[in-house]
Amino acid sequence: MSATFEARYPGRCGVCDEAIRVDDLCTYVEDEVAHVNCPQPVALADPCPRCFMVPAANGACGCDA
């Protein structure tokens, strides 16, 4: 696990894309600055080979529209 640190500059979290404010506790996740308490991102499903959209949780994609 990476060391934690207080942010010295504002920015965007590499995991949740929410704002990082000065003094927020952060760490590195795959070379991106992230909040310490961010959940790990959920892996996306493979895109549909016909419409190239990532299917929704129910399996529907752009072909179903």
C-alpha atoms as a PDB file:
ATOM      1  CA  MET A   1       0.000   0.000   0.000  1.00  0.00           C
ATOM      2  CA  SER A   2       1.239   3.481  -0.813  1.00  0.00           C
ATOM      3  CA  ALA A   3       2.034   6.015   1.850  1.00  0.00           C
ATOM      4  CA  THR A   4      -0.540   8.671   2.631  1.00  0.00           C
ATOM      5  CA  PHE A   5       0.089  12.395   2.484  1.00  0.00           C
ATOM      6  CA  GLU A   6      -1.771  15.678   2.780  1.00  0.00           C
ATOM      7  CA  ALA A   7      -2.481  17.337  -0.554  1.00  0.00           C
ATOM      8  CA  ARG A   8      -0.479  20.516  -1.031  1.00  0.00           C
ATOM      9  CA  TYR A   9      -2.395  21.560  -4.154  1.00  0.00           C
ATOM     10  CA  PRO A  10      -6.008  21.248  -5.316  1.00  0.00           C
ATOM     11  CA  GLY A  11      -6.798  18.769  -8.057  1.00  0.00           C
ATOM     12  CA  ARG A  12      -8.996  15.844  -9.107  1.00  0.00           C
ATOM     13  CA  CYS A  13      -9.068  12.361  -7.615  1.00  0.00           C
ATOM     14  CA  GLY A  14      -7.848   9.719 -10.055  1.00  0.00           C
ATOM     15  CA  VAL A  15     -10.424   7.217  -8.733  1.00  0.00           C
ATOM     16  CA  CYS A  16     -13.702   9.079  -8.106  1.00  0.00           C
ATOM     17  CA  ASP A  17     -12.946  12.271 -10.099  1.00  0.00           C
ATOM     18  CA  GLU A  18     -14.156  14.421  -7.174  1.00  0.00           C
ATOM     19  CA  ALA A  19     -12.193  17.469  -6.075  1.00  0.00           C
ATOM     20  CA  ILE A  20      -9.071  17.064  -3.973  1.00  0.00           C
ATOM     21  CA  ARG A  21      -8.674  20.023  -1.668  1.00  0.00           C
ATOM     22  CA  VAL A  22      -5.528  21.268   0.045  1.00  0.00           C
ATOM     23  CA  ASP A  23      -4.915  19.190   3.207  1.00  0.00           C
ATOM     24  CA  ASP A  24      -7.095  16.220   2.070  1.00  0.00           C
ATOM     25  CA  LEU A  25      -5.494  12.881   2.910  1.00  0.00           C
ATOM     26  CA  CYS A  26      -4.346  11.281  -0.343  1.00  0.00           C
ATOM     27  CA  THR A  27      -2.389   8.357  -1.717  1.00  0.00           C
ATOM     28  CA  TYR A  28      -1.281   7.126  -5.129  1.00  0.00           C
ATOM     29  CA  VAL A  29      -3.407   4.583  -7.049  1.00  0.00           C
ATOM     30  CA  GLU A  30      -1.749   3.445 -10.270  1.00  0.00           C
ATOM     31  CA  ASP A  31       0.320   6.671 -10.472  1.00  0.00           C
ATOM     32  CA  GLU A  32      -2.759   8.867  -9.913  1.00  0.00           C
ATOM     33  CA  VAL A  33      -3.383  10.953  -6.788  1.00  0.00           C
ATOM     34  CA  ALA A  34      -6.526   9.706  -5.024  1.00  0.00           C
ATOM     35  CA  HIS A  35      -8.394  10.222  -1.774  1.00  0.00           C
ATOM     36  CA  VAL A  36      -7.292   7.759   0.902  1.00  0.00           C
ATOM     37  CA  ASN A  37     -10.899   6.641   1.500  1.00  0.00           C
ATOM     38  CA  CYS A  38     -11.950   6.181  -2.156  1.00  0.00           C
ATOM     39  CA  PRO A  39     -13.231   2.736  -3.052  1.00  0.00           C
ATOM     40  CA  GLN A  40     -11.355   0.923  -5.773  1.00  0.00           C
ATOM     41  CA  PRO A  41     -12.946   1.526  -9.165  1.00  0.00           C
ATOM     42  CA  VAL A  42     -15.260  -1.158 -10.491  1.00  0.00           C
ATOM     43  CA  ALA A  43     -13.980  -2.830 -13.642  1.00  0.00           C
ATOM     44  CA  LEU A  44     -16.148  -2.069 -16.638  1.00  0.00           C
ATOM     45  CA  ALA A  45     -17.536  -4.816 -18.833  1.00  0.00           C
ATOM     46  CA  ASP A  46     -16.099  -5.316 -22.300  1.00  0.00           C
ATOM     47  CA  PRO A  47     -17.722  -3.087 -24.934  1.00  0.00           C
ATOM     48  CA  CYS A  48     -20.274  -4.534 -27.332  1.00  0.00           C
ATOM     49  CA  PRO A  49     -18.542  -5.575 -30.579  1.00  0.00           C
ATOM     50  CA  ARG A  50     -21.447  -4.167 -32.650  1.00  0.00           C
ATOM     51  CA  CYS A  51     -22.167  -0.733 -31.102  1.00  0.00           C
ATOM     52  CA  PHE A  52     -18.970  -0.343 -29.017  1.00  0.00           C
ATOM     53  CA  MET A  53     -20.926   0.772 -25.931  1.00  0.00           C
ATOM     54  CA  VAL A  54     -20.197  -0.689 -22.496  1.00  0.00           C
ATOM     55  CA  PRO A  55     -23.336  -2.620 -21.491  1.00  0.00           C
ATOM     56  CA  ALA A  56     -25.397  -1.429 -18.516  1.00  0.00           C
ATOM     57  CA  ALA A  57     -25.652  -3.527 -15.361  1.00  0.00           C
ATOM     58  CA  ASN A  58     -28.726  -5.259 -16.852  1.00  0.00           C
ATOM     59  CA  GLY A  59     -26.734  -6.187 -19.990  1.00  0.00           C
ATOM     60  CA  ALA A  60     -28.463  -3.696 -22.333  1.00  0.00           C
ATOM     61  CA  CYS A  61     -26.299  -1.752 -24.786  1.00  0.00           C
ATOM     62  CA  GLY A  62     -26.810   0.622 -27.732  1.00  0.00           C
ATOM     63  CA  CYS A  63     -27.962  -2.242 -29.937  1.00  0.00           C
ATOM     64  CA  ASP A  64     -31.031  -2.641 -27.713  1.00  0.00           C
ATOM     65  CA  ALA A  65     -32.219   0.948 -28.232  1.00  0.00           C
END
